[in-house]
PDB file of all heavy atoms in Angstrom:
ATOM      1  N   GLY A   1     252.202  33.250  80.170  1.00  0.00           N
ATOM      2  CA  GLY A   1     253.288  32.557  79.397  1.00  0.00           C
ATOM      3  C   GLY A   1     253.234  31.019  79.672  1.00  0.00           C
ATOM      4  O   GLY A   1     253.287  30.268  78.689  1.00  0.00           O
ATOM      5  N   TYR A   2     253.167  30.669  80.898  1.00  0.00           N
ATOM      6  CA  TYR A   2     253.138  29.168  81.338  1.00  0.00           C
ATOM      7  C   TYR A   2     251.835  28.619  80.725  1.00  0.00           C
ATOM      8  O   TYR A   2     251.867  27.541  80.166  1.00  0.00           O
ATOM      9  CB  TYR A   2     253.155  29.002  82.697  1.00  0.00           C
ATOM     10  CG  TYR A   2     253.000  27.522  83.149  1.00  0.00           C
ATOM     11  CD1 TYR A   2     254.208  26.573  83.086  1.00  0.00           C
ATOM     12  CD2 TYR A   2     251.861  27.045  83.519  1.00  0.00           C
ATOM     13  CE1 TYR A   2     254.060  25.369  83.465  1.00  0.00           C
ATOM     14  CE2 TYR A   2     251.727  25.680  83.885  1.00  0.00           C
ATOM     15  CZ  TYR A   2     252.898  24.890  83.758  1.00  0.00           C
ATOM     16  OH  TYR A   2     252.725  23.463  84.130  1.00  0.00           O
ATOM     17  N   ALA A   3     250.743  29.248  80.867  1.00  0.00           N
ATOM     18  CA  ALA A   3     249.428  28.824  80.391  1.00  0.00           C
ATOM     19  C   ALA A   3     249.472  28.588  78.811  1.00  0.00           C
ATOM     20  O   ALA A   3     248.897  27.605  78.304  1.00  0.00           O
ATOM     21  CB  ALA A   3     248.244  29.641  80.779  1.00  0.00           C
ATOM     22  N   THR A   4     250.128  29.532  78.171  1.00  0.00           N
ATOM     23  CA  THR A   4     250.164  29.434  76.720  1.00  0.00           C
ATOM     24  C   THR A   4     251.058  28.227  76.336  1.00  0.00           C
ATOM     25  O   THR A   4     250.719  27.507  75.467  1.00  0.00           O
ATOM     26  CB  THR A   4     250.808  30.680  76.193  1.00  0.00           C
ATOM     27  OG1 THR A   4     249.855  31.800  76.534  1.00  0.00           O
ATOM     28  CG2 THR A   4     250.805  30.636  74.592  1.00  0.00           C
ATOM     29  N   ALA A   5     252.215  28.182  76.956  1.00  0.00           N
ATOM     30  CA  ALA A   5     253.104  26.960  76.685  1.00  0.00           C
ATOM     31  C   ALA A   5     252.312  25.618  77.006  1.00  0.00           C
ATOM     32  O   ALA A   5     252.364  24.692  76.085  1.00  0.00           O
ATOM     33  CB  ALA A   5     254.299  27.025  77.608  1.00  0.00           C
ATOM     34  N   LYS A   6     251.551  25.584  78.026  1.00  0.00           N
ATOM     35  CA  LYS A   6     250.822  24.344  78.278  1.00  0.00           C
ATOM     36  C   LYS A   6     249.735  24.007  77.205  1.00  0.00           C
ATOM     37  O   LYS A   6     249.564  22.898  76.818  1.00  0.00           O
ATOM     38  CB  LYS A   6     250.140  24.431  79.755  1.00  0.00           C
ATOM     39  CG  LYS A   6     249.354  23.270  80.105  1.00  0.00           C
ATOM     40  CD  LYS A   6     248.810  23.469  81.591  1.00  0.00           C
ATOM     41  CE  LYS A   6     248.155  22.265  82.169  1.00  0.00           C
ATOM     42  NZ  LYS A   6     246.824  21.965  81.542  1.00  0.00           N
ATOM     43  N   ALA A   7     249.054  25.111  76.709  1.00  0.00           N
ATOM     44  CA  ALA A   7     248.095  24.945  75.787  1.00  0.00           C
ATOM     45  C   ALA A   7     248.570  24.432  74.448  1.00  0.00           C
ATOM     46  O   ALA A   7     248.093  23.507  73.794  1.00  0.00           O
ATOM     47  CB  ALA A   7     247.250  26.158  75.544  1.00  0.00           C
ATOM     48  N   PHE A   8     249.787  24.947  74.102  1.00  0.00           N
ATOM     49  CA  PHE A   8     250.541  24.473  72.910  1.00  0.00           C
ATOM     50  C   PHE A   8     250.957  22.917  73.124  1.00  0.00           C
ATOM     51  O   PHE A   8     250.820  22.202  72.235  1.00  0.00           O
ATOM     52  CB  PHE A   8     251.655  25.306  72.551  1.00  0.00           C
ATOM     53  CG  PHE A   8     251.338  26.520  71.657  1.00  0.00           C
ATOM     54  CD1 PHE A   8     251.377  27.810  72.195  1.00  0.00           C
ATOM     55  CD2 PHE A   8     250.932  26.380  70.276  1.00  0.00           C
ATOM     56  CE1 PHE A   8     251.048  28.864  71.425  1.00  0.00           C
ATOM     57  CE2 PHE A   8     250.623  27.459  69.529  1.00  0.00           C
ATOM     58  CZ  PHE A   8     250.730  28.753  70.060  1.00  0.00           C
ATOM     59  N   ALA A   9     251.469  22.747  74.329  1.00  0.00           N
ATOM     60  CA  ALA A   9     251.938  21.340  74.560  1.00  0.00           C
ATOM     61  C   ALA A   9     250.783  20.266  74.489  1.00  0.00           C
ATOM     62  O   ALA A   9     251.041  19.275  74.036  1.00  0.00           O
ATOM     63  CB  ALA A   9     252.561  21.261  75.981  1.00  0.00           C
ATOM     64  N   GLU A  10     249.639  20.692  74.906  1.00  0.00           N
ATOM     65  CA  GLU A  10     248.440  19.850  74.834  1.00  0.00           C
ATOM     66  C   GLU A  10     247.986  19.608  73.399  1.00  0.00           C
ATOM     67  O   GLU A  10     247.377  18.593  73.063  1.00  0.00           O
ATOM     68  CB  GLU A  10     247.341  20.469  75.611  1.00  0.00           C
ATOM     69  CG  GLU A  10     247.552  20.399  77.142  1.00  0.00           C
ATOM     70  CD  GLU A  10     246.536  21.214  77.907  1.00  0.00           C
ATOM     71  OE1 GLU A  10     245.828  21.990  77.375  1.00  0.00           O
ATOM     72  OE2 GLU A  10     246.532  20.903  79.169  1.00  0.00           O
ATOM     73  N   GLU A  11     248.409  20.388  72.482  1.00  0.00           N
ATOM     74  CA  GLU A  11     248.231  20.322  71.121  1.00  0.00           C
ATOM     75  C   GLU A  11     249.315  19.387  70.343  1.00  0.00           C
ATOM     76  O   GLU A  11     249.296  19.221  69.156  1.00  0.00           O
ATOM     77  CB  GLU A  11     247.925  21.583  70.345  1.00  0.00           C
ATOM     78  CG  GLU A  11     246.808  22.278  70.786  1.00  0.00           C
ATOM     79  CD  GLU A  11     245.480  21.580  70.394  1.00  0.00           C
ATOM     80  OE1 GLU A  11     245.396  20.949  69.385  1.00  0.00           O
ATOM     81  OE2 GLU A  11     244.571  21.648  71.220  1.00  0.00           O
ATOM     82  N   GLY A  12     250.229  18.969  71.141  1.00  0.00           N
ATOM     83  CA  GLY A  12     251.379  18.112  70.581  1.00  0.00           C
ATOM     84  C   GLY A  12     252.531  18.906  70.133  1.00  0.00           C
ATOM     85  O   GLY A  12     253.373  18.325  69.414  1.00  0.00           O
ATOM     86  N   ALA A  13     252.667  20.226  70.425  1.00  0.00           N
ATOM     87  CA  ALA A  13     253.769  20.984  70.076  1.00  0.00           C
ATOM     88  C   ALA A  13     254.961  20.702  70.898  1.00  0.00           C
ATOM     89  O   ALA A  13     254.883  20.157  71.951  1.00  0.00           O
ATOM     90  CB  ALA A  13     253.468  22.492  70.096  1.00  0.00           C
ATOM     91  N   ARG A  14     256.210  20.986  70.376  1.00  0.00           N
ATOM     92  CA  ARG A  14     257.431  20.831  71.104  1.00  0.00           C
ATOM     93  C   ARG A  14     257.713  22.363  71.672  1.00  0.00           C
ATOM     94  O   ARG A  14     257.626  23.223  71.002  1.00  0.00           O
ATOM     95  CB  ARG A  14     258.589  20.497  70.200  1.00  0.00           C
ATOM     96  CG  ARG A  14     259.946  20.464  70.891  1.00  0.00           C
ATOM     97  CD  ARG A  14     260.933  19.659  69.964  1.00  0.00           C
ATOM     98  NE  ARG A  14     261.100  20.284  68.611  1.00  0.00           N
ATOM     99  CZ  ARG A  14     262.084  21.072  68.347  1.00  0.00           C
ATOM    100  NH1 ARG A  14     263.000  21.425  69.276  1.00  0.00           N
ATOM    101  NH2 ARG A  14     262.303  21.535  67.119  1.00  0.00           N
ATOM    102  N   ILE A  15     258.074  22.402  72.913  1.00  0.00           N
ATOM    103  CA  ILE A  15     258.087  23.693  73.639  1.00  0.00           C
ATOM    104  C   ILE A  15     259.403  24.097  74.136  1.00  0.00           C
ATOM    105  O   ILE A  15     260.159  23.192  74.644  1.00  0.00           O
ATOM    106  CB  ILE A  15     257.098  23.710  74.761  1.00  0.00           C
ATOM    107  CG1 ILE A  15     255.773  23.213  74.547  1.00  0.00           C
ATOM    108  CG2 ILE A  15     257.049  25.090  75.524  1.00  0.00           C
ATOM    109  CD1 ILE A  15     254.980  24.028  73.493  1.00  0.00           C
ATOM    110  N   THR A  16     259.746  25.306  74.069  1.00  0.00           N
ATOM    111  CA  THR A  16     260.912  25.879  74.706  1.00  0.00           C
ATOM    112  C   THR A  16     260.484  27.073  75.566  1.00  0.00           C
ATOM    113  O   THR A  16     259.777  28.036  75.018  1.00  0.00           O
ATOM    114  CB  THR A  16     262.074  26.408  73.638  1.00  0.00           C
ATOM    115  OG1 THR A  16     262.421  25.386  72.920  1.00  0.00           O
ATOM    116  CG2 THR A  16     263.171  27.114  74.341  1.00  0.00           C
ATOM    117  N   LEU A  17     260.672  26.963  76.879  1.00  0.00           N
ATOM    118  CA  LEU A  17     260.376  28.008  77.851  1.00  0.00           C
ATOM    119  C   LEU A  17     261.501  28.943  78.008  1.00  0.00           C
ATOM    120  O   LEU A  17     262.640  28.518  78.168  1.00  0.00           O
ATOM    121  CB  LEU A  17     259.982  27.367  79.203  1.00  0.00           C
ATOM    122  CG  LEU A  17     258.987  26.207  79.207  1.00  0.00           C
ATOM    123  CD1 LEU A  17     258.818  25.690  80.578  1.00  0.00           C
ATOM    124  CD2 LEU A  17     257.503  26.734  78.674  1.00  0.00           C
ATOM    125  N   VAL A  18     261.257  30.248  78.108  1.00  0.00           N
ATOM    126  CA  VAL A  18     262.298  31.214  78.375  1.00  0.00           C
ATOM    127  C   VAL A  18     261.811  32.199  79.490  1.00  0.00           C
ATOM    128  O   VAL A  18     260.683  32.604  79.458  1.00  0.00           O
ATOM    129  CB  VAL A  18     262.583  32.038  77.124  1.00  0.00           C
ATOM    130  CG1 VAL A  18     263.664  32.972  77.315  1.00  0.00           C
ATOM    131  CG2 VAL A  18     262.834  31.101  75.880  1.00  0.00           C
ATOM    132  N   SER A  19     262.697  32.446  80.462  1.00  0.00           N
ATOM    133  CA  SER A  19     262.511  33.507  81.466  1.00  0.00           C
ATOM    134  C   SER A  19     263.885  33.714  82.119  1.00  0.00           C
ATOM    135  O   SER A  19     264.859  33.099  81.701  1.00  0.00           O
ATOM    136  CB  SER A  19     261.408  33.211  82.351  1.00  0.00           C
ATOM    137  OG  SER A  19     261.775  32.195  83.327  1.00  0.00           O
ATOM    138  N   ARG A  20     263.925  34.463  83.115  1.00  0.00           N
ATOM    139  CA  ARG A  20     265.179  34.846  83.831  1.00  0.00           C
ATOM    140  C   ARG A  20     265.711  33.735  84.664  1.00  0.00           C
ATOM    141  O   ARG A  20     266.853  33.407  84.657  1.00  0.00           O
ATOM    142  CB  ARG A  20     264.961  36.085  84.744  1.00  0.00           C
ATOM    143  CG  ARG A  20     264.947  37.326  84.022  1.00  0.00           C
ATOM    144  CD  ARG A  20     265.138  38.533  85.032  1.00  0.00           C
ATOM    145  NE  ARG A  20     265.281  39.864  84.360  1.00  0.00           N
ATOM    146  CZ  ARG A  20     264.272  40.695  84.181  1.00  0.00           C
ATOM    147  NH1 ARG A  20     263.105  40.422  84.570  1.00  0.00           N
ATOM    148  NH2 ARG A  20     264.504  41.847  83.623  1.00  0.00           N
ATOM    149  N   ARG A  21     264.773  33.025  85.393  1.00  0.00           N
ATOM    150  CA  ARG A  21     265.216  32.184  86.537  1.00  0.00           C
ATOM    151  C   ARG A  21     265.313  30.739  86.166  1.00  0.00           C
ATOM    152  O   ARG A  21     264.262  30.112  85.790  1.00  0.00           O
ATOM    153  CB  ARG A  21     264.378  32.328  87.786  1.00  0.00           C
ATOM    154  CG  ARG A  21     264.534  33.758  88.328  1.00  0.00           C
ATOM    155  CD  ARG A  21     263.520  33.881  89.508  1.00  0.00           C
ATOM    156  NE  ARG A  21     263.637  32.832  90.544  1.00  0.00           N
ATOM    157  CZ  ARG A  21     262.681  31.953  90.830  1.00  0.00           C
ATOM    158  NH1 ARG A  21     261.487  32.043  90.294  1.00  0.00           N
ATOM    159  NH2 ARG A  21     262.801  31.087  91.682  1.00  0.00           N
ATOM    160  N   ALA A  22     266.478  30.063  86.236  1.00  0.00           N
ATOM    161  CA  ALA A  22     266.670  28.723  85.711  1.00  0.00           C
ATOM    162  C   ALA A  22     265.831  27.715  86.600  1.00  0.00           C
ATOM    163  O   ALA A  22     265.230  26.840  86.119  1.00  0.00           O
ATOM    164  CB  ALA A  22     268.106  28.311  85.803  1.00  0.00           C
ATOM    165  N   GLU A  23     265.865  28.074  87.882  1.00  0.00           N
ATOM    166  CA  GLU A  23     265.089  27.135  88.838  1.00  0.00           C
ATOM    167  C   GLU A  23     263.631  27.079  88.482  1.00  0.00           C
ATOM    168  O   GLU A  23     263.038  26.087  88.538  1.00  0.00           O
ATOM    169  CB  GLU A  23     265.288  27.519  90.294  1.00  0.00           C
ATOM    170  CG  GLU A  23     266.792  27.595  90.698  1.00  0.00           C
ATOM    171  CD  GLU A  23     267.436  28.944  90.401  1.00  0.00           C
ATOM    172  OE1 GLU A  23     266.704  29.838  89.741  1.00  0.00           O
ATOM    173  OE2 GLU A  23     268.594  29.086  90.737  1.00  0.00           O
ATOM    174  N   ALA A  24     263.015  28.278  88.224  1.00  0.00           N
ATOM    175  CA  ALA A  24     261.638  28.242  87.996  1.00  0.00           C
ATOM    176  C   ALA A  24     261.338  27.648  86.661  1.00  0.00           C
ATOM    177  O   ALA A  24     260.345  26.906  86.419  1.00  0.00           O
ATOM    178  CB  ALA A  24     261.139  29.747  87.978  1.00  0.00           C
ATOM    179  N   LEU A  25     262.220  27.890  85.653  1.00  0.00           N
ATOM    180  CA  LEU A  25     262.016  27.227  84.321  1.00  0.00           C
ATOM    181  C   LEU A  25     262.120  25.748  84.409  1.00  0.00           C
ATOM    182  O   LEU A  25     261.261  24.912  83.822  1.00  0.00           O
ATOM    183  CB  LEU A  25     263.082  27.657  83.359  1.00  0.00           C
ATOM    184  CG  LEU A  25     262.866  29.142  82.794  1.00  0.00           C
ATOM    185  CD1 LEU A  25     264.095  29.641  82.182  1.00  0.00           C
ATOM    186  CD2 LEU A  25     261.692  29.156  81.999  1.00  0.00           C
ATOM    187  N   GLU A  26     263.060  25.155  85.212  1.00  0.00           N
ATOM    188  CA  GLU A  26     263.227  23.790  85.284  1.00  0.00           C
ATOM    189  C   GLU A  26     261.998  23.109  85.994  1.00  0.00           C
ATOM    190  O   GLU A  26     261.464  22.075  85.562  1.00  0.00           O
ATOM    191  CB  GLU A  26     264.415  23.416  86.124  1.00  0.00           C
ATOM    192  CG  GLU A  26     264.818  21.948  86.221  1.00  0.00           C
ATOM    193  CD  GLU A  26     266.178  21.656  86.939  1.00  0.00           C
ATOM    194  OE1 GLU A  26     266.589  22.593  87.623  1.00  0.00           O
ATOM    195  OE2 GLU A  26     266.658  20.488  86.706  1.00  0.00           O
ATOM    196  N   GLU A  27     261.442  23.744  86.949  1.00  0.00           N
ATOM    197  CA  GLU A  27     260.275  23.297  87.667  1.00  0.00           C
ATOM    198  C   GLU A  27     259.104  23.403  86.657  1.00  0.00           C
ATOM    199  O   GLU A  27     258.317  22.404  86.648  1.00  0.00           O
ATOM    200  CB  GLU A  27     259.969  24.141  88.922  1.00  0.00           C
ATOM    201  CG  GLU A  27     258.976  23.534  89.846  1.00  0.00           C
ATOM    202  CD  GLU A  27     257.548  23.998  89.431  1.00  0.00           C
ATOM    203  OE1 GLU A  27     257.343  25.014  88.862  1.00  0.00           O
ATOM    204  OE2 GLU A  27     256.558  23.205  89.779  1.00  0.00           O
ATOM    205  N   ALA A  28     258.882  24.409  85.974  1.00  0.00           N
ATOM    206  CA  ALA A  28     257.791  24.620  85.044  1.00  0.00           C
ATOM    207  C   ALA A  28     257.854  23.566  83.863  1.00  0.00           C
ATOM    208  O   ALA A  28     256.856  22.988  83.507  1.00  0.00           O
ATOM    209  CB  ALA A  28     257.788  25.998  84.423  1.00  0.00           C
ATOM    210  N   ALA A  29     259.133  23.345  83.334  1.00  0.00           N
ATOM    211  CA  ALA A  29     259.303  22.348  82.268  1.00  0.00           C
ATOM    212  C   ALA A  29     258.912  20.933  82.851  1.00  0.00           C
ATOM    213  O   ALA A  29     258.266  20.099  82.092  1.00  0.00           O
ATOM    214  CB  ALA A  29     260.737  22.345  81.863  1.00  0.00           C
ATOM    215  N   GLY A  30     259.339  20.568  84.049  1.00  0.00           N
ATOM    216  CA  GLY A  30     258.977  19.303  84.547  1.00  0.00           C
ATOM    217  C   GLY A  30     257.537  19.144  84.765  1.00  0.00           C
ATOM    218  O   GLY A  30     256.885  18.097  84.412  1.00  0.00           O
ATOM    219  N   ARG A  31     256.655  20.157  85.154  1.00  0.00           N
ATOM    220  CA  ARG A  31     255.365  20.112  85.320  1.00  0.00           C
ATOM    221  C   ARG A  31     254.638  19.856  83.981  1.00  0.00           C
ATOM    222  O   ARG A  31     253.682  19.143  83.821  1.00  0.00           O
ATOM    223  CB  ARG A  31     254.781  21.331  85.938  1.00  0.00           C
ATOM    224  CG  ARG A  31     254.739  21.307  87.443  1.00  0.00           C
ATOM    225  CD  ARG A  31     254.050  22.487  88.076  1.00  0.00           C
ATOM    226  NE  ARG A  31     254.687  23.662  87.848  1.00  0.00           N
ATOM    227  CZ  ARG A  31     254.230  24.827  87.401  1.00  0.00           C
ATOM    228  NH1 ARG A  31     252.911  24.931  87.003  1.00  0.00           N
ATOM    229  NH2 ARG A  31     254.888  26.004  87.331  1.00  0.00           N
ATOM    230  N   LEU A  32     255.171  20.600  82.908  1.00  0.00           N
ATOM    231  CA  LEU A  32     254.595  20.460  81.597  1.00  0.00           C
ATOM    232  C   LEU A  32     254.853  19.130  81.045  1.00  0.00           C
ATOM    233  O   LEU A  32     253.951  18.423  80.443  1.00  0.00           O
ATOM    234  CB  LEU A  32     255.144  21.481  80.740  1.00  0.00           C
ATOM    235  CG  LEU A  32     254.591  22.920  80.713  1.00  0.00           C
ATOM    236  CD1 LEU A  32     255.227  23.795  79.639  1.00  0.00           C
ATOM    237  CD2 LEU A  32     253.032  22.907  80.508  1.00  0.00           C
ATOM    238  N   THR A  33     256.023  18.594  81.147  1.00  0.00           N
ATOM    239  CA  THR A  33     256.341  17.272  80.629  1.00  0.00           C
ATOM    240  C   THR A  33     255.423  16.157  81.224  1.00  0.00           C
ATOM    241  O   THR A  33     254.899  15.338  80.604  1.00  0.00           O
ATOM    242  CB  THR A  33     257.834  16.933  80.863  1.00  0.00           C
ATOM    243  OG1 THR A  33     258.587  17.987  80.081  1.00  0.00           O
ATOM    244  CG2 THR A  33     258.180  15.618  80.293  1.00  0.00           C
ATOM    245  N   SER A  34     255.359  16.222  82.592  1.00  0.00           N
ATOM    246  CA  SER A  34     254.608  15.204  83.267  1.00  0.00           C
ATOM    247  C   SER A  34     253.191  15.346  82.913  1.00  0.00           C
ATOM    248  O   SER A  34     252.333  14.359  82.978  1.00  0.00           O
ATOM    249  CB  SER A  34     254.860  15.207  84.733  1.00  0.00           C
ATOM    250  OG  SER A  34     254.447  16.435  85.390  1.00  0.00           O
ATOM    251  N   GLY A  35     252.658  16.586  82.848  1.00  0.00           N
ATOM    252  CA  GLY A  35     251.275  16.801  82.621  1.00  0.00           C
ATOM    253  C   GLY A  35     250.693  16.592  81.179  1.00  0.00           C
ATOM    254  O   GLY A  35     249.592  16.321  80.999  1.00  0.00           O
ATOM    255  N   THR A  36     251.640  16.735  80.178  1.00  0.00           N
ATOM    256  CA  THR A  36     251.195  16.712  78.806  1.00  0.00           C
ATOM    257  C   THR A  36     251.950  15.662  77.997  1.00  0.00           C
ATOM    258  O   THR A  36     251.413  15.324  76.845  1.00  0.00           O
ATOM    259  CB  THR A  36     251.410  18.065  78.143  1.00  0.00           C
ATOM    260  OG1 THR A  36     252.884  18.281  78.083  1.00  0.00           O
ATOM    261  CG2 THR A  36     250.693  19.154  78.949  1.00  0.00           C
ATOM    262  N   GLY A  37     253.038  15.219  78.495  1.00  0.00           N
ATOM    263  CA  GLY A  37     253.893  14.234  77.697  1.00  0.00           C
ATOM    264  C   GLY A  37     254.673  14.914  76.608  1.00  0.00           C
ATOM    265  O   GLY A  37     255.277  14.249  75.778  1.00  0.00           O
ATOM    266  N   ALA A  38     254.581  16.243  76.425  1.00  0.00           N
ATOM    267  CA  ALA A  38     255.213  16.989  75.403  1.00  0.00           C
ATOM    268  C   ALA A  38     256.738  17.099  75.659  1.00  0.00           C
ATOM    269  O   ALA A  38     257.260  16.928  76.838  1.00  0.00           O
ATOM    270  CB  ALA A  38     254.736  18.385  75.325  1.00  0.00           C
ATOM    271  N   GLU A  39     257.480  17.292  74.546  1.00  0.00           N
ATOM    272  CA  GLU A  39     258.963  17.564  74.699  1.00  0.00           C
ATOM    273  C   GLU A  39     259.114  19.075  75.081  1.00  0.00           C
ATOM    274  O   GLU A  39     258.717  19.885  74.338  1.00  0.00           O
ATOM    275  CB  GLU A  39     259.653  17.279  73.418  1.00  0.00           C
ATOM    276  CG  GLU A  39     261.164  17.516  73.384  1.00  0.00           C
ATOM    277  CD  GLU A  39     261.736  17.376  72.034  1.00  0.00           C
ATOM    278  OE1 GLU A  39     261.127  16.734  71.124  1.00  0.00           O
ATOM    279  OE2 GLU A  39     262.898  17.823  71.864  1.00  0.00           O
ATOM    280  N   VAL A  40     259.682  19.287  76.244  1.00  0.00           N
ATOM    281  CA  VAL A  40     259.754  20.646  76.826  1.00  0.00           C
ATOM    282  C   VAL A  40     261.186  20.963  77.123  1.00  0.00           C
ATOM    283  O   VAL A  40     261.783  20.268  77.926  1.00  0.00           O
ATOM    284  CB  VAL A  40     258.867  20.872  78.024  1.00  0.00           C
ATOM    285  CG1 VAL A  40     258.890  22.321  78.450  1.00  0.00           C
ATOM    286  CG2 VAL A  40     257.444  20.540  77.686  1.00  0.00           C
ATOM    287  N   GLY A  41     261.866  21.947  76.601  1.00  0.00           N
ATOM    288  CA  GLY A  41     263.021  22.483  76.983  1.00  0.00           C
ATOM    289  C   GLY A  41     263.017  23.903  77.550  1.00  0.00           C
ATOM    290  O   GLY A  41     261.884  24.493  77.645  1.00  0.00           O
ATOM    291  N   TRP A  42     264.115  24.381  77.962  1.00  0.00           N
ATOM    292  CA  TRP A  42     264.074  25.736  78.518  1.00  0.00           C
ATOM    293  C   TRP A  42     265.403  26.494  78.358  1.00  0.00           C
ATOM    294  O   TRP A  42     266.540  25.809  78.174  1.00  0.00           O
ATOM    295  CB  TRP A  42     263.747  25.641  80.046  1.00  0.00           C
ATOM    296  CG  TRP A  42     264.563  24.889  80.922  1.00  0.00           C
ATOM    297  CD1 TRP A  42     264.291  23.524  81.237  1.00  0.00           C
ATOM    298  CD2 TRP A  42     265.651  25.234  81.644  1.00  0.00           C
ATOM    299  NE1 TRP A  42     265.297  22.982  82.111  1.00  0.00           N
ATOM    300  CE2 TRP A  42     266.094  24.106  82.420  1.00  0.00           C
ATOM    301  CE3 TRP A  42     266.385  26.466  81.724  1.00  0.00           C
ATOM    302  CZ2 TRP A  42     267.256  24.112  83.238  1.00  0.00           C
ATOM    303  CZ3 TRP A  42     267.516  26.466  82.673  1.00  0.00           C
ATOM    304  CH2 TRP A  42     267.871  25.327  83.327  1.00  0.00           C
ATOM    305  N   HIS A  43     265.390  27.797  78.478  1.00  0.00           N
ATOM    306  CA  HIS A  43     266.531  28.636  78.351  1.00  0.00           C
ATOM    307  C   HIS A  43     266.389  29.765  79.313  1.00  0.00           C
ATOM    308  O   HIS A  43     265.406  30.636  79.254  1.00  0.00           O
ATOM    309  CB  HIS A  43     266.676  29.003  76.873  1.00  0.00           C
ATOM    310  CG  HIS A  43     267.903  30.038  76.600  1.00  0.00           C
ATOM    311  ND1 HIS A  43     269.077  29.494  76.228  1.00  0.00           N
ATOM    312  CD2 HIS A  43     267.957  31.386  76.779  1.00  0.00           C
ATOM    313  CE1 HIS A  43     269.909  30.507  76.131  1.00  0.00           C
ATOM    314  NE2 HIS A  43     269.247  31.545  76.512  1.00  0.00           N
TER     315      HIS A  43
END
């Protein structure tokens, strides 16, 4: 899931990440944003 979100982000897509744990999502969203410059949200 994370690898797929990253690949879409690298293509310039806007991403929403979804899973159970807010802490893990916040950390993953931060990594994606800093690594790709994409707009990344989470739920």
